């Protein structure tokens, strides 16, 4: 597995644990279809949340959340509909969140959870 893939998986694992500690239920991880991939699908109370996780080792290229473009958010909304069509889940609401994970070499991981970005 490439270093970039390992970094991404590490960030997704940290984000998943972060959400579980907050009381969320993780329904799916790395769900794929022909259109793309959803990093995490979770329930926050009665709301279904599609979570995009972006992980970086440094901020030289900017904050990880800045890598989530309007185009990516639009694709995530389409993917959310496809995920719902394949799963028997009832939710009061649906939203897209971004979790930015920064893994500096000289300290603990930092997590920035941005809710309802779309």
N, C-alpha and C. Protein backbone atom coordinates (compact mmCIF):
# COMPACT_ATOMS: atom_id res chain seq x y z
N UNK A 1 0.84 -1.17 0.00
CA UNK A 1 0.00 0.00 0.00
C UNK A 1 0.90 1.25 0.00
N UNK A 2 0.58 2.21 -0.83
CA UNK A 2 1.36 3.44 -0.95
C UNK A 2 1.25 4.27 0.32
N UNK A 3 2.27 5.08 0.59
CA UNK A 3 2.30 5.91 1.79
C UNK A 3 1.07 6.82 1.86
N UNK A 4 0.65 7.35 0.71
CA UNK A 4 -0.54 8.21 0.67
C UNK A 4 -1.79 7.45 1.12
N UNK A 5 -1.90 6.19 0.69
CA UNK A 5 -3.05 5.36 1.07
C UNK A 5 -3.03 5.04 2.56
N UNK A 6 -1.83 4.77 3.08
CA UNK A 6 -1.70 4.49 4.51
C UNK A 6 -2.10 5.72 5.32
N UNK A 7 -1.64 6.89 4.88
CA UNK A 7 -2.00 8.15 5.55
C UNK A 7 -3.51 8.34 5.55
N UNK A 8 -4.14 8.12 4.41
CA UNK A 8 -5.58 8.28 4.31
C UNK A 8 -6.33 7.32 5.21
N UNK A 9 -5.92 6.07 5.22
CA UNK A 9 -6.58 5.07 6.08
C UNK A 9 -6.40 5.41 7.56
N UNK A 10 -5.21 5.91 7.91
CA UNK A 10 -4.98 6.31 9.29
C UNK A 10 -5.93 7.44 9.68
N UNK A 11 -6.07 8.42 8.82
CA UNK A 11 -6.99 9.53 9.09
C UNK A 11 -8.43 9.07 9.21
N UNK A 12 -8.84 8.16 8.33
CA UNK A 12 -10.20 7.64 8.38
C UNK A 12 -10.45 6.87 9.67
N UNK A 13 -9.46 6.10 10.11
CA UNK A 13 -9.60 5.36 11.36
C UNK A 13 -9.74 6.31 12.55
N UNK A 14 -8.89 7.35 12.58
CA UNK A 14 -8.98 8.35 13.66
C UNK A 14 -10.32 9.06 13.63
N UNK A 15 -10.79 9.42 12.45
CA UNK A 15 -12.07 10.11 12.32
C UNK A 15 -13.21 9.21 12.79
N UNK A 16 -13.17 7.94 12.42
CA UNK A 16 -14.21 7.02 12.86
C UNK A 16 -14.26 6.88 14.37
N UNK A 17 -13.09 6.76 14.98
CA UNK A 17 -13.04 6.67 16.45
C UNK A 17 -13.54 7.96 17.10
N UNK A 18 -13.19 9.10 16.49
CA UNK A 18 -13.64 10.41 16.98
C UNK A 18 -15.18 10.45 17.01
N UNK A 19 -15.80 10.01 15.93
CA UNK A 19 -17.26 10.02 15.83
C UNK A 19 -17.89 9.04 16.81
N UNK A 20 -17.32 7.86 16.94
CA UNK A 20 -17.86 6.87 17.88
C UNK A 20 -17.78 7.38 19.32
N UNK A 21 -16.68 8.04 19.67
CA UNK A 21 -16.57 8.62 21.02
C UNK A 21 -17.62 9.71 21.24
N UNK A 22 -18.05 10.36 20.17
CA UNK A 22 -19.08 11.40 20.26
C UNK A 22 -20.49 10.78 20.28
N UNK A 23 -20.57 9.46 20.21
CA UNK A 23 -21.86 8.78 20.30
C UNK A 23 -22.50 8.47 18.96
N UNK A 24 -21.78 8.68 17.87
CA UNK A 24 -22.32 8.38 16.55
C UNK A 24 -22.21 6.89 16.27
N UNK A 25 -23.07 6.40 15.38
CA UNK A 25 -23.01 5.01 14.94
C UNK A 25 -22.46 4.99 13.51
N UNK A 26 -21.34 4.33 13.33
CA UNK A 26 -20.75 4.19 12.00
C UNK A 26 -21.49 3.06 11.27
N UNK A 27 -22.10 3.37 10.14
CA UNK A 27 -22.85 2.39 9.37
C UNK A 27 -22.03 1.76 8.26
N UNK A 28 -21.07 2.53 7.73
CA UNK A 28 -20.29 2.03 6.60
C UNK A 28 -18.96 2.76 6.54
N UNK A 29 -17.95 2.06 6.05
CA UNK A 29 -16.62 2.64 5.85
C UNK A 29 -16.16 2.32 4.43
N UNK A 30 -15.63 3.32 3.76
CA UNK A 30 -15.08 3.15 2.42
C UNK A 30 -16.05 2.47 1.46
N UNK A 31 -17.30 2.94 1.47
CA UNK A 31 -18.31 2.40 0.57
C UNK A 31 -18.02 2.88 -0.85
N UNK A 32 -18.01 1.93 -1.78
CA UNK A 32 -17.67 2.25 -3.17
C UNK A 32 -18.78 1.83 -4.12
N UNK A 33 -18.89 2.61 -5.20
CA UNK A 33 -19.75 2.26 -6.31
C UNK A 33 -19.08 2.83 -7.56
N UNK A 34 -19.74 2.72 -8.70
CA UNK A 34 -19.14 3.21 -9.95
C UNK A 34 -18.89 4.72 -9.94
N UNK A 35 -19.70 5.45 -9.18
CA UNK A 35 -19.62 6.91 -9.15
C UNK A 35 -18.50 7.43 -8.26
N UNK A 36 -18.12 6.66 -7.25
CA UNK A 36 -17.09 7.12 -6.33
C UNK A 36 -17.10 6.38 -5.02
N UNK A 37 -16.60 7.06 -4.00
CA UNK A 37 -16.44 6.44 -2.68
C UNK A 37 -16.87 7.42 -1.60
N UNK A 38 -17.47 6.85 -0.55
CA UNK A 38 -17.78 7.60 0.66
C UNK A 38 -16.87 7.05 1.75
N UNK A 39 -16.13 7.94 2.42
CA UNK A 39 -15.20 7.50 3.46
C UNK A 39 -15.95 6.88 4.64
N UNK A 40 -16.92 7.63 5.18
CA UNK A 40 -17.69 7.14 6.32
C UNK A 40 -19.16 7.52 6.14
N UNK A 41 -20.04 6.61 6.53
CA UNK A 41 -21.47 6.88 6.60
C UNK A 41 -21.84 6.62 8.05
N UNK A 42 -22.51 7.60 8.67
CA UNK A 42 -22.80 7.47 10.10
C UNK A 42 -24.16 8.05 10.45
N UNK A 43 -24.65 7.65 11.61
CA UNK A 43 -25.85 8.25 12.16
C UNK A 43 -25.46 9.15 13.32
N UNK A 44 -25.87 10.40 13.23
CA UNK A 44 -25.73 11.38 14.30
C UNK A 44 -27.14 11.61 14.82
N UNK A 45 -27.52 10.85 15.84
CA UNK A 45 -28.91 10.88 16.27
C UNK A 45 -29.78 10.30 15.17
N UNK A 46 -30.74 11.10 14.67
CA UNK A 46 -31.63 10.65 13.60
C UNK A 46 -31.15 11.08 12.22
N UNK A 47 -30.02 11.76 12.13
CA UNK A 47 -29.51 12.26 10.86
C UNK A 47 -28.47 11.32 10.27
N UNK A 48 -28.61 11.06 8.97
CA UNK A 48 -27.60 10.31 8.24
C UNK A 48 -26.54 11.30 7.78
N UNK A 49 -25.29 10.98 8.02
CA UNK A 49 -24.19 11.88 7.68
C UNK A 49 -23.18 11.14 6.82
N UNK A 50 -22.88 11.74 5.66
CA UNK A 50 -21.82 11.28 4.79
C UNK A 50 -20.59 12.09 5.16
N UNK A 51 -19.51 11.41 5.49
CA UNK A 51 -18.32 12.09 5.99
C UNK A 51 -17.16 11.90 5.02
N UNK A 52 -16.60 13.02 4.58
CA UNK A 52 -15.38 13.03 3.78
C UNK A 52 -14.22 13.31 4.73
N UNK A 53 -13.21 12.46 4.71
CA UNK A 53 -12.05 12.62 5.59
C UNK A 53 -10.85 13.02 4.73
N UNK A 54 -10.19 14.09 5.13
CA UNK A 54 -8.97 14.54 4.45
C UNK A 54 -7.85 14.58 5.48
N UNK A 55 -6.73 13.96 5.16
CA UNK A 55 -5.63 13.84 6.11
C UNK A 55 -4.35 14.38 5.48
N UNK A 56 -3.60 15.13 6.28
CA UNK A 56 -2.29 15.64 5.85
C UNK A 56 -1.31 15.56 7.01
N UNK A 57 -0.03 15.50 6.64
CA UNK A 57 1.03 15.49 7.65
C UNK A 57 1.49 16.90 8.00
N UNK A 58 1.30 17.84 7.07
CA UNK A 58 1.69 19.22 7.35
C UNK A 58 0.64 20.15 6.74
N UNK A 59 0.75 21.42 7.07
CA UNK A 59 -0.18 22.42 6.54
C UNK A 59 0.46 23.25 5.44
N UNK A 60 1.60 22.80 4.92
CA UNK A 60 2.29 23.53 3.83
C UNK A 60 1.39 23.76 2.63
N UNK A 61 0.56 22.79 2.33
CA UNK A 61 -0.35 22.90 1.19
C UNK A 61 -1.73 23.41 1.59
N UNK A 62 -1.85 23.89 2.82
CA UNK A 62 -3.12 24.39 3.32
C UNK A 62 -3.80 23.39 4.25
N UNK A 63 -4.90 23.84 4.81
CA UNK A 63 -5.70 23.02 5.72
C UNK A 63 -6.30 21.85 4.93
N UNK A 64 -6.35 20.66 5.52
CA UNK A 64 -6.89 19.51 4.78
C UNK A 64 -8.31 19.73 4.24
N UNK A 65 -9.14 20.43 4.97
CA UNK A 65 -10.53 20.65 4.53
C UNK A 65 -10.59 21.47 3.24
N UNK A 66 -9.56 22.25 2.96
CA UNK A 66 -9.55 23.06 1.74
C UNK A 66 -9.51 22.19 0.49
N UNK A 67 -9.14 20.92 0.63
CA UNK A 67 -9.06 20.01 -0.51
C UNK A 67 -10.44 19.50 -0.93
N UNK A 68 -11.47 19.79 -0.15
CA UNK A 68 -12.82 19.36 -0.49
C UNK A 68 -13.49 20.48 -1.29
N UNK A 69 -13.59 20.26 -2.59
CA UNK A 69 -14.11 21.26 -3.51
C UNK A 69 -15.64 21.18 -3.62
N UNK A 70 -16.22 22.19 -4.25
CA UNK A 70 -17.66 22.18 -4.51
C UNK A 70 -18.03 20.98 -5.37
N UNK A 71 -17.17 20.64 -6.31
CA UNK A 71 -17.41 19.48 -7.18
C UNK A 71 -17.45 18.18 -6.36
N UNK A 72 -16.52 18.05 -5.41
CA UNK A 72 -16.48 16.87 -4.55
C UNK A 72 -17.73 16.80 -3.68
N UNK A 73 -18.17 17.95 -3.15
CA UNK A 73 -19.37 17.97 -2.32
C UNK A 73 -20.60 17.56 -3.14
N UNK A 74 -20.68 18.03 -4.37
CA UNK A 74 -21.80 17.64 -5.24
C UNK A 74 -21.79 16.13 -5.48
N UNK A 75 -20.61 15.57 -5.72
CA UNK A 75 -20.50 14.12 -5.91
C UNK A 75 -20.91 13.38 -4.64
N UNK A 76 -20.53 13.88 -3.49
CA UNK A 76 -20.90 13.23 -2.23
C UNK A 76 -22.41 13.22 -2.03
N UNK A 77 -23.09 14.28 -2.45
CA UNK A 77 -24.56 14.31 -2.34
C UNK A 77 -25.18 13.23 -3.24
N UNK A 78 -24.64 13.06 -4.44
CA UNK A 78 -25.12 12.01 -5.34
C UNK A 78 -24.85 10.64 -4.72
N UNK A 79 -23.64 10.46 -4.20
CA UNK A 79 -23.28 9.19 -3.58
C UNK A 79 -24.17 8.88 -2.37
N UNK A 80 -24.53 9.90 -1.61
CA UNK A 80 -25.41 9.70 -0.46
C UNK A 80 -26.75 9.12 -0.92
N UNK A 81 -27.28 9.65 -2.02
CA UNK A 81 -28.53 9.12 -2.55
C UNK A 81 -28.39 7.68 -3.01
N UNK A 82 -27.26 7.37 -3.63
CA UNK A 82 -27.02 5.99 -4.07
C UNK A 82 -26.87 5.06 -2.88
N UNK A 83 -26.18 5.52 -1.84
CA UNK A 83 -26.01 4.70 -0.64
C UNK A 83 -27.38 4.41 -0.02
N UNK A 84 -28.21 5.44 0.09
CA UNK A 84 -29.54 5.26 0.68
C UNK A 84 -30.40 4.30 -0.14
N UNK A 85 -30.26 4.35 -1.47
CA UNK A 85 -31.04 3.46 -2.33
C UNK A 85 -30.67 2.00 -2.12
N UNK A 86 -29.45 1.74 -1.65
CA UNK A 86 -28.98 0.37 -1.45
C UNK A 86 -29.10 -0.13 -0.01
N UNK A 87 -29.48 0.76 0.90
CA UNK A 87 -29.54 0.38 2.31
C UNK A 87 -30.89 0.74 2.90
N UNK A 88 -31.37 -0.10 3.79
CA UNK A 88 -32.66 0.13 4.45
C UNK A 88 -32.43 0.94 5.72
N UNK A 89 -32.18 2.23 5.52
CA UNK A 89 -31.94 3.12 6.66
C UNK A 89 -32.92 4.28 6.56
N UNK A 90 -33.59 4.55 7.64
CA UNK A 90 -34.50 5.69 7.72
C UNK A 90 -33.81 6.78 8.52
N UNK A 91 -33.79 7.98 7.96
CA UNK A 91 -33.13 9.09 8.65
C UNK A 91 -34.01 10.33 8.55
N UNK A 92 -34.00 11.13 9.59
CA UNK A 92 -34.78 12.38 9.60
C UNK A 92 -34.16 13.41 8.68
N UNK A 93 -32.84 13.41 8.60
CA UNK A 93 -32.13 14.38 7.77
C UNK A 93 -30.90 13.75 7.16
N UNK A 94 -30.31 14.49 6.23
CA UNK A 94 -29.11 14.04 5.55
C UNK A 94 -28.17 15.22 5.42
N UNK A 95 -26.90 15.01 5.75
CA UNK A 95 -25.94 16.09 5.58
C UNK A 95 -24.57 15.52 5.23
N UNK A 96 -23.71 16.43 4.75
CA UNK A 96 -22.33 16.08 4.43
C UNK A 96 -21.42 16.83 5.39
N UNK A 97 -20.54 16.10 6.05
CA UNK A 97 -19.55 16.68 6.95
C UNK A 97 -18.16 16.42 6.39
N UNK A 98 -17.22 17.25 6.81
CA UNK A 98 -15.81 17.03 6.48
C UNK A 98 -15.05 16.92 7.79
N UNK A 99 -14.21 15.90 7.89
CA UNK A 99 -13.30 15.80 9.02
C UNK A 99 -11.89 15.92 8.47
N UNK A 100 -11.22 16.97 8.92
CA UNK A 100 -9.83 17.22 8.53
C UNK A 100 -8.94 16.68 9.63
N UNK A 101 -7.98 15.86 9.24
CA UNK A 101 -7.04 15.26 10.20
C UNK A 101 -5.65 15.73 9.83
N UNK A 102 -4.97 16.28 10.81
CA UNK A 102 -3.59 16.74 10.64
C UNK A 102 -2.72 15.90 11.54
N UNK A 103 -1.73 15.22 10.95
CA UNK A 103 -0.84 14.33 11.70
C UNK A 103 0.57 14.90 11.69
N UNK A 104 0.84 15.90 12.53
CA UNK A 104 2.20 16.48 12.54
C UNK A 104 3.21 15.48 13.10
N UNK A 105 4.44 15.60 12.64
CA UNK A 105 5.50 14.71 13.13
C UNK A 105 5.85 14.97 14.59
N UNK A 106 5.58 16.19 15.05
CA UNK A 106 6.05 16.59 16.38
C UNK A 106 4.95 16.71 17.43
N UNK A 107 3.85 16.02 17.24
CA UNK A 107 2.80 16.11 18.24
C UNK A 107 1.62 15.21 17.92
N UNK A 108 0.58 15.32 18.74
CA UNK A 108 -0.59 14.45 18.56
C UNK A 108 -1.41 14.86 17.34
N UNK A 109 -2.23 13.94 16.89
CA UNK A 109 -3.14 14.21 15.78
C UNK A 109 -4.11 15.32 16.18
N UNK A 110 -4.47 16.12 15.19
CA UNK A 110 -5.46 17.18 15.40
C UNK A 110 -6.63 16.92 14.45
N UNK A 111 -7.83 17.05 14.99
CA UNK A 111 -9.03 16.77 14.20
C UNK A 111 -9.93 18.01 14.19
N UNK A 112 -10.36 18.37 13.00
CA UNK A 112 -11.27 19.51 12.80
C UNK A 112 -12.51 18.97 12.10
N UNK A 113 -13.63 18.91 12.82
CA UNK A 113 -14.87 18.36 12.29
C UNK A 113 -15.78 19.50 11.87
N UNK A 114 -16.06 19.59 10.57
CA UNK A 114 -16.91 20.64 10.02
C UNK A 114 -18.23 20.02 9.59
N UNK A 115 -19.30 20.41 10.28
CA UNK A 115 -20.61 19.81 10.05
C UNK A 115 -21.41 20.60 9.01
N UNK A 116 -22.15 19.85 8.20
CA UNK A 116 -23.06 20.47 7.25
C UNK A 116 -22.40 21.38 6.24
N UNK A 117 -21.36 20.90 5.60
CA UNK A 117 -20.59 21.75 4.69
C UNK A 117 -21.24 21.94 3.33
N UNK A 118 -22.20 21.11 2.99
CA UNK A 118 -22.80 21.26 1.65
C UNK A 118 -24.07 22.08 1.70
